[in-house]
Amino acid sequence: MFDSYFKYEDNKVILTKPFIETDNIYSLCTTTQDYLVKIRETRSEELVIPYSGGIDSSFLALCYQDCIKQGRLSKNDYEIISFNFIPEKQPDKIKYWFAETYLDLDINYIPITIDEQFLKKLFLYTYDLSYVSELLAVNIQTFCFSQFPNKTFMMFDMGFVINYQVFPPVIAHVINDYNVINLFTYYECAKTLWIKNGYFTLAPPPPDIFQLDTHISATCYFDRPKFQYVMCYPQLYSLYPKRLTLSNLEVHTNSWVYKLWNEFKEQSDVRFEGAVNIYLPNGERVTSVQQTQEFFNGHS
């Protein structure tokens, strides 16, 4: 159940199991619930579901809530923590509205002041990581988690995307020694997201569609809604479009933070990672689902 399907060696992401596409768009919900139950049964530390008001975290919270309704978990099994970044130009009204409307859970809202001291600690924090994402939001998130070392935070960061590339957060959650469990790194959970002819087919657009509009590969086929989530919980549709991390900060603070982050990336000796290709154990770059299946079937 807790088997992974990739490893990171010599600065490469290498598959250890084949990609498998599914026609079942509903299994994501039940599989995620099973993982929440099993992880609670097998872990002794405090477990947390972080709530940002975005689709991913709201999906996890709804899965947890259903487990409570089913009698498989209790309200004390997971803590719900939400970080409120300040100074705000206004509160995240959608985050509060969704929680009040759809979540019967106790949420611990924790204010986080984004100031010079916070950024200094964040920059120093990146030096302790083995693998550093280039994305500011990812590093702020895990840095906030690190302030609670006795708690383990559940995540659902989907990292394997079209054109068979992987985003850095998924690799970071495996390599770095920090208090995060990313359910997407488990093979049985990831397979429920790889929907045939859907958002997470892993493949680029069909050739005939791509010929009509060559820009579609980098736009529509990546930015399409996570319809598996919405099919499981239709209320998640209300969370489109995505609200960016720190978007509720005062405008001058938001600009100042990103300016300092970009300067830090340019001037520091930290290696920042972006999206990378995926490879088979024989060194071939992954270009299709069938390719991975043929390789692993031939080596089973």
C-alpha atoms as a PDB file:
ATOM      1  CA  MET A   1       0.000   0.000   0.000  1.00  0.00           C
ATOM      2  CA  PHE A   2       2.862   2.351   0.749  1.00  0.00           C
ATOM      3  CA  ASP A   3       5.004   1.391  -2.232  1.00  0.00           C
ATOM      4  CA  SER A   4       6.353   4.225  -4.335  1.00  0.00           C
ATOM      5  CA  TYR A   5       6.732   4.078  -8.109  1.00  0.00           C
ATOM      6  CA  PHE A   6       9.794   6.244  -8.711  1.00  0.00           C
ATOM      7  CA  LYS A   7      13.189   7.029  -7.276  1.00  0.00           C
ATOM      8  CA  TYR A   8      15.627   9.901  -7.618  1.00  0.00           C
ATOM      9  CA  GLU A   9      19.166   8.954  -8.610  1.00  0.00           C
ATOM     10  CA  ASP A  10      21.968  10.945 -10.235  1.00  0.00           C
ATOM     11  CA  ASN A  11      19.689  13.960 -10.581  1.00  0.00           C
ATOM     12  CA  LYS A  12      17.103  11.933 -12.496  1.00  0.00           C
ATOM     13  CA  VAL A  13      13.581  10.754 -11.732  1.00  0.00           C
ATOM     14  CA  ILE A  14      13.462   7.038 -12.552  1.00  0.00           C
ATOM     15  CA  LEU A  15      10.258   5.009 -12.705  1.00  0.00           C
ATOM     16  CA  THR A  16      10.182   1.773 -10.741  1.00  0.00           C
ATOM     17  CA  LYS A  17       6.635   0.806 -11.739  1.00  0.00           C
ATOM     18  CA  PRO A  18       4.660   1.389 -14.960  1.00  0.00           C
ATOM     19  CA  PHE A  19       2.149   4.135 -15.559  1.00  0.00           C
ATOM     20  CA  ILE A  20      -1.384   2.739 -15.620  1.00  0.00           C
ATOM     21  CA  GLU A  21      -4.407   4.722 -16.778  1.00  0.00           C
ATOM     22  CA  THR A  22      -7.822   4.097 -15.268  1.00  0.00           C
ATOM     23  CA  ASP A  23     -11.410   4.604 -16.432  1.00  0.00           C
ATOM     24  CA  ASN A  24     -12.711   4.902 -12.861  1.00  0.00           C
ATOM     25  CA  ILE A  25     -13.022   8.587 -12.042  1.00  0.00           C
ATOM     26  CA  TYR A  26     -14.465   7.903  -8.580  1.00  0.00           C
ATOM     27  CA  SER A  27     -11.792   5.665  -7.052  1.00  0.00           C
ATOM     28  CA  LEU A  28      -9.700   8.677  -6.056  1.00  0.00           C
ATOM     29  CA  CYS A  29     -12.095   9.450  -3.201  1.00  0.00           C
ATOM     30  CA  THR A  30     -12.362   5.958  -1.693  1.00  0.00           C
ATOM     31  CA  THR A  31      -8.652   5.262  -2.100  1.00  0.00           C
ATOM     32  CA  THR A  32      -7.705   8.516  -0.384  1.00  0.00           C
ATOM     33  CA  GLN A  33     -10.055   7.704   2.483  1.00  0.00           C
ATOM     34  CA  ASP A  34      -8.445   4.267   2.851  1.00  0.00           C
ATOM     35  CA  TYR A  35      -5.019   5.889   3.081  1.00  0.00           C
ATOM     36  CA  LEU A  36      -6.133   8.376   5.729  1.00  0.00           C
ATOM     37  CA  VAL A  37      -7.477   5.505   7.828  1.00  0.00           C
ATOM     38  CA  LYS A  38      -4.436   3.276   7.353  1.00  0.00           C
ATOM     39  CA  ILE A  39      -1.935   6.049   8.057  1.00  0.00           C
ATOM     40  CA  ARG A  40      -3.748   6.903  11.293  1.00  0.00           C
ATOM     41  CA  GLU A  41      -3.661   3.221  12.291  1.00  0.00           C
ATOM     42  CA  THR A  42       0.059   2.857  11.600  1.00  0.00           C
ATOM     43  CA  ARG A  43       1.439   6.205  12.826  1.00  0.00           C
ATOM     44  CA  SER A  44       1.712   7.357  16.423  1.00  0.00           C
ATOM     45  CA  GLU A  45       2.560  11.041  15.944  1.00  0.00           C
ATOM     46  CA  GLU A  46       0.135  13.947  15.619  1.00  0.00           C
ATOM     47  CA  LEU A  47      -1.280  14.040  12.084  1.00  0.00           C
ATOM     48  CA  VAL A  48      -2.439  17.220  10.368  1.00  0.00           C
ATOM     49  CA  ILE A  49      -4.482  18.006   7.277  1.00  0.00           C
ATOM     50  CA  PRO A  50      -3.480  21.524   6.224  1.00  0.00           C
ATOM     51  CA  TYR A  51      -6.381  23.567   4.883  1.00  0.00           C
ATOM     52  CA  SER A  52      -5.708  26.426   2.481  1.00  0.00           C
ATOM     53  CA  GLY A  53      -9.139  26.746   0.914  1.00  0.00           C
ATOM     54  CA  GLY A  54      -7.787  25.366  -2.361  1.00  0.00           C
ATOM     55  CA  ILE A  55      -9.087  22.314  -4.189  1.00  0.00           C
ATOM     56  CA  ASP A  56      -6.385  19.869  -3.053  1.00  0.00           C
ATOM     57  CA  SER A  57      -6.594  20.585   0.667  1.00  0.00           C
ATOM     58  CA  SER A  58     -10.392  20.888   0.583  1.00  0.00           C
ATOM     59  CA  PHE A  59     -10.577  17.500  -1.120  1.00  0.00           C
ATOM     60  CA  LEU A  60      -8.502  15.944   1.669  1.00  0.00           C
ATOM     61  CA  ALA A  61     -10.658  17.600   4.316  1.00  0.00           C
ATOM     62  CA  LEU A  62     -13.843  16.281   2.675  1.00  0.00           C
ATOM     63  CA  CYS A  63     -12.375  12.776   2.510  1.00  0.00           C
ATOM     64  CA  TYR A  64     -11.524  12.983   6.210  1.00  0.00           C
ATOM     65  CA  GLN A  65     -15.007  14.258   7.000  1.00  0.00           C
ATOM     66  CA  ASP A  66     -16.553  11.292   5.156  1.00  0.00           C
ATOM     67  CA  CYS A  67     -14.340   8.901   7.122  1.00  0.00           C
ATOM     68  CA  ILE A  68     -15.752  10.433  10.324  1.00  0.00           C
ATOM     69  CA  LYS A  69     -19.317  10.035   9.050  1.00  0.00           C
ATOM     70  CA  GLN A  70     -18.578   6.404   8.183  1.00  0.00           C
ATOM     71  CA  GLY A  71     -17.246   5.758  11.694  1.00  0.00           C
ATOM     72  CA  ARG A  72     -13.772   4.883  10.412  1.00  0.00           C
ATOM     73  CA  LEU A  73     -12.103   7.915  12.002  1.00  0.00           C
ATOM     74  CA  SER A  74     -12.910  10.440  14.712  1.00  0.00           C
ATOM     75  CA  LYS A  75     -12.562  14.212  14.854  1.00  0.00           C
ATOM     76  CA  ASN A  76      -9.501  13.770  17.056  1.00  0.00           C
ATOM     77  CA  ASP A  77      -7.555  11.620  14.602  1.00  0.00           C
ATOM     78  CA  TYR A  78      -6.377  14.513  12.441  1.00  0.00           C
ATOM     79  CA  GLU A  79      -5.927  18.163  13.310  1.00  0.00           C
ATOM     80  CA  ILE A  80      -6.960  20.716  10.683  1.00  0.00           C
ATOM     81  CA  ILE A  81      -4.558  23.662  10.487  1.00  0.00           C
ATOM     82  CA  SER A  82      -4.903  26.692   8.232  1.00  0.00           C
ATOM     83  CA  PHE A  83      -2.202  29.342   7.948  1.00  0.00           C
ATOM     84  CA  ASN A  84      -3.372  32.942   7.575  1.00  0.00           C
ATOM     85  CA  PHE A  85      -0.596  35.018   6.043  1.00  0.00           C
ATOM     86  CA  ILE A  86      -0.545  38.632   7.233  1.00  0.00           C
ATOM     87  CA  PRO A  87      -0.553  41.609   6.757  1.00  0.00           C
ATOM     88  CA  GLU A  88      -3.652  41.036   4.633  1.00  0.00           C
ATOM     89  CA  LYS A  89      -5.330  43.397   2.233  1.00  0.00           C
ATOM     90  CA  GLN A  90      -8.435  41.354   3.066  1.00  0.00           C
ATOM     91  CA  PRO A  91      -9.145  37.896   4.537  1.00  0.00           C
ATOM     92  CA  ASP A  92      -9.538  34.949   2.187  1.00  0.00           C
ATOM     93  CA  LYS A  93     -13.331  35.083   2.209  1.00  0.00           C
ATOM     94  CA  ILE A  94     -13.667  31.995   0.010  1.00  0.00           C
ATOM     95  CA  LYS A  95     -11.591  29.866   2.381  1.00  0.00           C
ATOM     96  CA  TYR A  96     -13.781  30.765   5.340  1.00  0.00           C
ATOM     97  CA  TRP A  97     -17.003  30.452   3.332  1.00  0.00           C
ATOM     98  CA  PHE A  98     -16.151  26.965   2.067  1.00  0.00           C
ATOM     99  CA  ALA A  99     -15.231  25.761   5.561  1.00  0.00           C
ATOM    100  CA  GLU A 100     -18.408  27.177   7.096  1.00  0.00           C
ATOM    101  CA  THR A 101     -20.590  25.823   4.292  1.00  0.00           C
ATOM    102  CA  TYR A 102     -19.187  22.358   3.655  1.00  0.00           C
ATOM    103  CA  LEU A 103     -16.851  21.341   6.489  1.00  0.00           C
ATOM    104  CA  ASP A 104     -18.099  20.249   9.909  1.00  0.00           C
ATOM    105  CA  LEU A 105     -14.551  20.229  11.250  1.00  0.00           C
ATOM    106  CA  ASP A 106     -12.642  22.204  13.868  1.00  0.00           C
ATOM    107  CA  ILE A 107     -10.059  24.322  12.051  1.00  0.00           C
ATOM    108  CA  ASN A 108      -7.103  25.893  13.837  1.00  0.00           C
ATOM    109  CA  TYR A 109      -6.400  29.168  12.015  1.00  0.00           C
ATOM    110  CA  ILE A 110      -2.801  30.218  12.692  1.00  0.00           C
ATOM    111  CA  PRO A 111      -1.561  33.711  11.716  1.00  0.00           C
ATOM    112  CA  ILE A 112       1.836  33.818   9.995  1.00  0.00           C
ATOM    113  CA  THR A 113       3.444  37.243   9.672  1.00  0.00           C
ATOM    114  CA  ILE A 114       5.389  37.654   6.447  1.00  0.00           C
ATOM    115  CA  ASP A 115       8.173  40.058   7.352  1.00  0.00           C
ATOM    116  CA  GLU A 116      11.943  40.349   7.052  1.00  0.00           C
ATOM    117  CA  GLN A 117      12.573  37.930   9.927  1.00  0.00           C
ATOM    118  CA  PHE A 118      10.284  35.323   8.351  1.00  0.00           C
ATOM    119  CA  LEU A 119      12.065  35.570   4.999  1.00  0.00           C
ATOM    120  CA  LYS A 120      15.528  35.305   6.561  1.00  0.00           C
ATOM    121  CA  LYS A 121      14.504  32.106   8.312  1.00  0.00           C
ATOM    122  CA  LEU A 122      12.924  30.822   5.109  1.00  0.00           C
ATOM    123  CA  PHE A 123      16.094  31.450   3.096  1.00  0.00           C
ATOM    124  CA  LEU A 124      18.238  29.725   5.735  1.00  0.00           C
ATOM    125  CA  TYR A 125      15.779  26.827   5.762  1.00  0.00           C
ATOM    126  CA  THR A 126      16.407  26.114   2.076  1.00  0.00           C
ATOM    127  CA  TYR A 127      20.092  25.471   2.804  1.00  0.00           C
ATOM    128  CA  ASP A 128      19.106  22.513   4.986  1.00  0.00           C
ATOM    129  CA  LEU A 129      17.113  20.833   2.217  1.00  0.00           C
ATOM    130  CA  SER A 130      18.535  18.194  -0.093  1.00  0.00           C
ATOM    131  CA  TYR A 131      16.182  19.196  -2.887  1.00  0.00           C
ATOM    132  CA  VAL A 132      14.794  22.720  -3.235  1.00  0.00           C
ATOM    133  CA  SER A 133      11.816  23.621  -5.392  1.00  0.00           C
ATOM    134  CA  GLU A 134      12.051  26.843  -7.368  1.00  0.00           C
ATOM    135  CA  LEU A 135       8.494  27.676  -6.300  1.00  0.00           C
ATOM    136  CA  LEU A 136       8.210  30.173  -3.450  1.00  0.00           C
ATOM    137  CA  ALA A 137       4.799  28.884  -2.357  1.00  0.00           C
ATOM    138  CA  VAL A 138       6.097  25.327  -1.934  1.00  0.00           C
ATOM    139  CA  ASN A 139       8.969  26.448   0.270  1.00  0.00           C
ATOM    140  CA  ILE A 140       6.796  28.738   2.369  1.00  0.00           C
ATOM    141  CA  GLN A 141       4.377  25.869   2.907  1.00  0.00           C
ATOM    142  CA  THR A 142       6.956  23.325   4.071  1.00  0.00           C
ATOM    143  CA  PHE A 143       8.768  25.967   6.119  1.00  0.00           C
ATOM    144  CA  CYS A 144       5.533  26.649   7.996  1.00  0.00           C
ATOM    145  CA  PHE A 145       5.159  22.909   8.541  1.00  0.00           C
ATOM    146  CA  SER A 146       8.695  22.789   9.959  1.00  0.00           C
ATOM    147  CA  GLN A 147       7.637  25.136  12.749  1.00  0.00           C
ATOM    148  CA  PHE A 148       5.631  22.209  14.144  1.00  0.00           C
ATOM    149  CA  PRO A 149       8.226  19.389  14.176  1.00  0.00           C
ATOM    150  CA  ASN A 150       6.093  17.068  16.299  1.00  0.00           C
ATOM    151  CA  LYS A 151       3.299  17.054  13.718  1.00  0.00           C
ATOM    152  CA  THR A 152       3.178  15.304  10.343  1.00  0.00           C
ATOM    153  CA  PHE A 153       1.314  17.091   7.561  1.00  0.00           C
ATOM    154  CA  MET A 154      -0.679  15.261   4.906  1.00  0.00           C
ATOM    155  CA  MET A 155      -0.380  16.527   1.351  1.00  0.00           C
ATOM    156  CA  PHE A 156      -1.821  15.720  -2.067  1.00  0.00           C
ATOM    157  CA  ASP A 157       0.637  17.362  -4.473  1.00  0.00           C
ATOM    158  CA  MET A 158       0.122  15.937  -7.951  1.00  0.00           C
ATOM    159  CA  GLY A 159       3.454  16.101  -9.689  1.00  0.00           C
ATOM    160  CA  PHE A 160       3.441  13.880 -12.769  1.00  0.00           C
ATOM    161  CA  VAL A 161       1.935  15.887 -15.578  1.00  0.00           C
ATOM    162  CA  ILE A 162       1.469  16.017 -19.332  1.00  0.00           C
ATOM    163  CA  ASN A 163       4.463  15.336 -21.563  1.00  0.00           C
ATOM    164  CA  TYR A 164       5.721  12.957 -18.848  1.00  0.00           C
ATOM    165  CA  GLN A 165       7.401  15.472 -16.617  1.00  0.00           C
ATOM    166  CA  VAL A 166       7.415  15.733 -12.842  1.00  0.00           C
ATOM    167  CA  PHE A 167       7.127  18.890 -10.761  1.00  0.00           C
ATOM    168  CA  PRO A 168       9.684  19.466  -7.966  1.00  0.00           C
ATOM    169  CA  PRO A 169       7.335  19.303  -4.940  1.00  0.00           C
ATOM    170  CA  VAL A 170       6.742  15.580  -5.433  1.00  0.00           C
ATOM    171  CA  ILE A 171      10.469  14.839  -5.549  1.00  0.00           C
ATOM    172  CA  ALA A 172      11.114  17.127  -2.593  1.00  0.00           C
ATOM    173  CA  HIS A 173       8.511  15.339  -0.471  1.00  0.00           C
ATOM    174  CA  VAL A 174      10.373  12.072  -1.007  1.00  0.00           C
ATOM    175  CA  ILE A 175      13.981  13.245  -0.729  1.00  0.00           C
ATOM    176  CA  ASN A 176      13.865  15.856   2.010  1.00  0.00           C
ATOM    177  CA  ASP A 177      13.757  14.744   5.608  1.00  0.00           C
ATOM    178  CA  TYR A 178      10.784  16.803   6.726  1.00  0.00           C
ATOM    179  CA  ASN A 179       7.422  16.229   8.321  1.00  0.00           C
ATOM    180  CA  VAL A 180       5.312  15.715   5.194  1.00  0.00           C
ATOM    181  CA  ILE A 181       3.449  12.717   3.796  1.00  0.00           C
ATOM    182  CA  ASN A 182       2.432  13.227   0.185  1.00  0.00           C
ATOM    183  CA  LEU A 183      -0.228  10.663  -0.715  1.00  0.00           C
ATOM    184  CA  PHE A 184       0.532  11.113  -4.400  1.00  0.00           C
ATOM    185  CA  THR A 185       3.912   9.435  -3.916  1.00  0.00           C
ATOM    186  CA  TYR A 186       2.152   6.130  -3.153  1.00  0.00           C
ATOM    187  CA  TYR A 187       1.555   4.047  -6.272  1.00  0.00           C
ATOM    188  CA  GLU A 188      -1.955   2.835  -5.447  1.00  0.00           C
ATOM    189  CA  CYS A 189      -3.073   6.395  -4.729  1.00  0.00           C
ATOM    190  CA  ALA A 190      -1.394   7.929  -7.773  1.00  0.00           C
ATOM    191  CA  LYS A 191      -3.011   5.412 -10.120  1.00  0.00           C
ATOM    192  CA  THR A 192      -6.462   6.722  -9.240  1.00  0.00           C
ATOM    193  CA  LEU A 193      -5.481  10.113 -10.682  1.00  0.00           C
ATOM    194  CA  TRP A 194      -4.194   8.936 -14.030  1.00  0.00           C
ATOM    195  CA  ILE A 195      -7.533   9.037 -15.824  1.00  0.00           C
ATOM    196  CA  LYS A 196      -7.676   7.780 -19.391  1.00  0.00           C
ATOM    197  CA  ASN A 197      -8.580  10.621 -21.769  1.00  0.00           C
ATOM    198  CA  GLY A 198      -8.759  12.981 -18.821  1.00  0.00           C
ATOM    199  CA  TYR A 199      -6.805  15.700 -17.057  1.00  0.00           C
ATOM    200  CA  PHE A 200      -4.062  13.391 -15.887  1.00  0.00           C
ATOM    201  CA  THR A 201      -3.498  11.136 -18.870  1.00  0.00           C
ATOM    202  CA  LEU A 202       0.165  12.173 -18.668  1.00  0.00           C
ATOM    203  CA  ALA A 203       0.100  12.450 -22.454  1.00  0.00           C
ATOM    204  CA  PRO A 204       0.130  15.610 -24.570  1.00  0.00           C
ATOM    205  CA  PRO A 205      -2.923  16.586 -26.634  1.00  0.00           C
ATOM    206  CA  PRO A 206      -3.996  14.310 -29.496  1.00  0.00           C
ATOM    207  CA  PRO A 207      -1.982  15.073 -32.663  1.00  0.00           C
ATOM    208  CA  ASP A 208      -4.989  16.288 -34.652  1.00  0.00           C
ATOM    209  CA  ILE A 209      -5.942  18.725 -31.896  1.00  0.00           C
ATOM    210  CA  PHE A 210      -2.360  19.919 -31.526  1.00  0.00           C
ATOM    211  CA  GLN A 211      -2.165  20.633 -35.276  1.00  0.00           C
ATOM    212  CA  LEU A 212      -5.191  22.896 -34.992  1.00  0.00           C
ATOM    213  CA  ASP A 213      -3.587  24.953 -32.236  1.00  0.00           C
ATOM    214  CA  THR A 214       0.054  24.403 -31.317  1.00  0.00           C
ATOM    215  CA  HIS A 215      -0.344  26.482 -28.158  1.00  0.00           C
ATOM    216  CA  ILE A 216      -2.847  24.105 -26.629  1.00  0.00           C
ATOM    217  CA  SER A 217      -0.173  21.813 -25.208  1.00  0.00           C
ATOM    218  CA  ALA A 218       1.026  24.429 -22.746  1.00  0.00           C
ATOM    219  CA  THR A 219      -2.353  25.911 -21.945  1.00  0.00           C
ATOM    220  CA  CYS A 220      -5.632  24.044 -22.035  1.00  0.00           C
ATOM    221  CA  TYR A 221      -4.353  20.533 -21.478  1.00  0.00           C
ATOM    222  CA  PHE A 222      -2.441  21.482 -18.375  1.00  0.00           C
ATOM    223  CA  ASP A 223      -4.859  23.990 -16.913  1.00  0.00           C
ATOM    224  CA  ARG A 224      -7.996  21.898 -17.290  1.00  0.00           C
ATOM    225  CA  PRO A 225      -9.949  21.481 -14.034  1.00  0.00           C
ATOM    226  CA  LYS A 226      -9.253  18.510 -11.792  1.00  0.00           C
ATOM    227  CA  PHE A 227     -12.534  16.932 -12.711  1.00  0.00           C
ATOM    228  CA  GLN A 228     -11.882  13.757 -10.683  1.00  0.00           C
ATOM    229  CA  TYR A 229     -12.074  15.864  -7.537  1.00  0.00           C
ATOM    230  CA  VAL A 230     -15.307  17.511  -8.637  1.00  0.00           C
ATOM    231  CA  MET A 231     -16.915  14.204  -9.613  1.00  0.00           C
ATOM    232  CA  CYS A 232     -16.232  12.959  -6.081  1.00  0.00           C
ATOM    233  CA  TYR A 233     -17.264  16.209  -4.387  1.00  0.00           C
ATOM    234  CA  PRO A 234     -19.233  18.570  -6.675  1.00  0.00           C
ATOM    235  CA  GLN A 235     -18.956  21.406  -4.137  1.00  0.00           C
ATOM    236  CA  LEU A 236     -15.266  21.753  -5.058  1.00  0.00           C
ATOM    237  CA  TYR A 237     -16.350  23.402  -8.287  1.00  0.00           C
ATOM    238  CA  SER A 238     -16.942  26.563  -6.265  1.00  0.00           C
ATOM    239  CA  LEU A 239     -13.179  26.857  -5.687  1.00  0.00           C
ATOM    240  CA  TYR A 240     -12.343  27.669  -9.317  1.00  0.00           C
ATOM    241  CA  PRO A 241     -10.323  29.595 -10.286  1.00  0.00           C
ATOM    242  CA  LYS A 242      -7.220  28.890  -8.200  1.00  0.00           C
ATOM    243  CA  ARG A 243      -6.239  31.568  -5.702  1.00  0.00           C
ATOM    244  CA  LEU A 244      -2.475  31.944  -5.511  1.00  0.00           C
ATOM    245  CA  THR A 245      -0.551  31.587  -2.253  1.00  0.00           C
ATOM    246  CA  LEU A 246       0.050  35.013  -0.674  1.00  0.00           C
ATOM    247  CA  SER A 247      -2.556  36.587  -2.962  1.00  0.00           C
ATOM    248  CA  ASN A 248      -4.324  38.019   0.083  1.00  0.00           C
ATOM    249  CA  LEU A 249      -1.262  39.891   1.306  1.00  0.00           C
ATOM    250  CA  GLU A 250      -1.150  43.642   1.002  1.00  0.00           C
ATOM    251  CA  VAL A 251      -0.011  44.497  -2.527  1.00  0.00           C
ATOM    252  CA  HIS A 252       3.285  46.132  -1.572  1.00  0.00           C
ATOM    253  CA  THR A 253       4.147  43.215   0.753  1.00  0.00           C
ATOM    254  CA  ASN A 254       3.383  40.654  -1.938  1.00  0.00           C
ATOM    255  CA  SER A 255       5.621  42.436  -4.468  1.00  0.00           C
ATOM    256  CA  TRP A 256       8.377  42.858  -1.894  1.00  0.00           C
ATOM    257  CA  VAL A 257       8.345  39.142  -0.982  1.00  0.00           C
ATOM    258  CA  TYR A 258       8.634  37.953  -4.580  1.00  0.00           C
ATOM    259  CA  LYS A 259      11.331  40.516  -5.329  1.00  0.00           C
ATOM    260  CA  LEU A 260      13.480  39.262  -2.432  1.00  0.00           C
ATOM    261  CA  TRP A 261      12.808  35.623  -3.344  1.00  0.00           C
ATOM    262  CA  ASN A 262      13.940  36.152  -6.943  1.00  0.00           C
ATOM    263  CA  GLU A 263      17.038  38.003  -5.773  1.00  0.00           C
ATOM    264  CA  PHE A 264      17.827  35.174  -3.366  1.00  0.00           C
ATOM    265  CA  LYS A 265      17.523  32.606  -6.151  1.00  0.00           C
ATOM    266  CA  GLU A 266      19.888  34.587  -8.351  1.00  0.00           C
ATOM    267  CA  GLN A 267      22.509  35.374  -5.722  1.00  0.00           C
ATOM    268  CA  SER A 268      22.590  32.283  -3.503  1.00  0.00           C
ATOM    269  CA  ASP A 269      24.434  29.046  -4.255  1.00  0.00           C
ATOM    270  CA  VAL A 270      21.323  26.970  -3.610  1.00  0.00           C
ATOM    271  CA  ARG A 271      20.301  24.771  -6.532  1.00  0.00           C
ATOM    272  CA  PHE A 272      16.640  25.385  -7.320  1.00  0.00           C
ATOM    273  CA  GLU A 273      14.758  22.673  -9.181  1.00  0.00           C
ATOM    274  CA  GLY A 274      12.032  22.953 -11.809  1.00  0.00           C
ATOM    275  CA  ALA A 275      10.046  20.412 -13.833  1.00  0.00           C
ATOM    276  CA  VAL A 276      12.155  17.538 -15.165  1.00  0.00           C
ATOM    277  CA  ASN A 277      11.766  14.569 -17.470  1.00  0.00           C
ATOM    278  CA  ILE A 278      11.076  11.017 -16.277  1.00  0.00           C
ATOM    279  CA  TYR A 279      13.243   8.045 -17.231  1.00  0.00           C
ATOM    280  CA  LEU A 280      13.039   4.272 -17.317  1.00  0.00           C
ATOM    281  CA  PRO A 281      15.703   2.272 -15.447  1.00  0.00           C
ATOM    282  CA  ASN A 282      17.472   1.635 -18.794  1.00  0.00           C
ATOM    283  CA  GLY A 283      17.978   5.364 -19.308  1.00  0.00           C
ATOM    284  CA  GLU A 284      15.253   5.940 -21.892  1.00  0.00           C
ATOM    285  CA  ARG A 285      13.139   9.047 -21.462  1.00  0.00           C
ATOM    286  CA  VAL A 286       9.479   8.198 -20.807  1.00  0.00           C
ATOM    287  CA  THR A 287       7.272   9.280 -23.710  1.00  0.00           C
ATOM    288  CA  SER A 288       4.172   7.083 -23.368  1.00  0.00           C
ATOM    289  CA  VAL A 289       2.202   4.927 -20.962  1.00  0.00           C
ATOM    290  CA  GLN A 290       2.579   1.931 -23.296  1.00  0.00           C
ATOM    291  CA  GLN A 291       6.366   2.315 -23.276  1.00  0.00           C
ATOM    292  CA  THR A 292       6.481   1.988 -19.478  1.00  0.00           C
ATOM    293  CA  GLN A 293       4.164  -1.022 -19.491  1.00  0.00           C
ATOM    294  CA  GLU A 294       6.173  -2.821 -22.148  1.00  0.00           C
ATOM    295  CA  PHE A 295       9.400  -2.208 -20.264  1.00  0.00           C
ATOM    296  CA  PHE A 296       8.222  -3.431 -16.885  1.00  0.00           C
ATOM    297  CA  ASN A 297       6.258  -6.349 -18.314  1.00  0.00           C
ATOM    298  CA  GLY A 298       9.416  -7.440 -20.095  1.00  0.00           C
ATOM    299  CA  HIS A 299      11.440  -7.241 -16.896  1.00  0.00           C
ATOM    300  CA  SER A 300       8.966  -8.841 -14.507  1.00  0.00           C
END
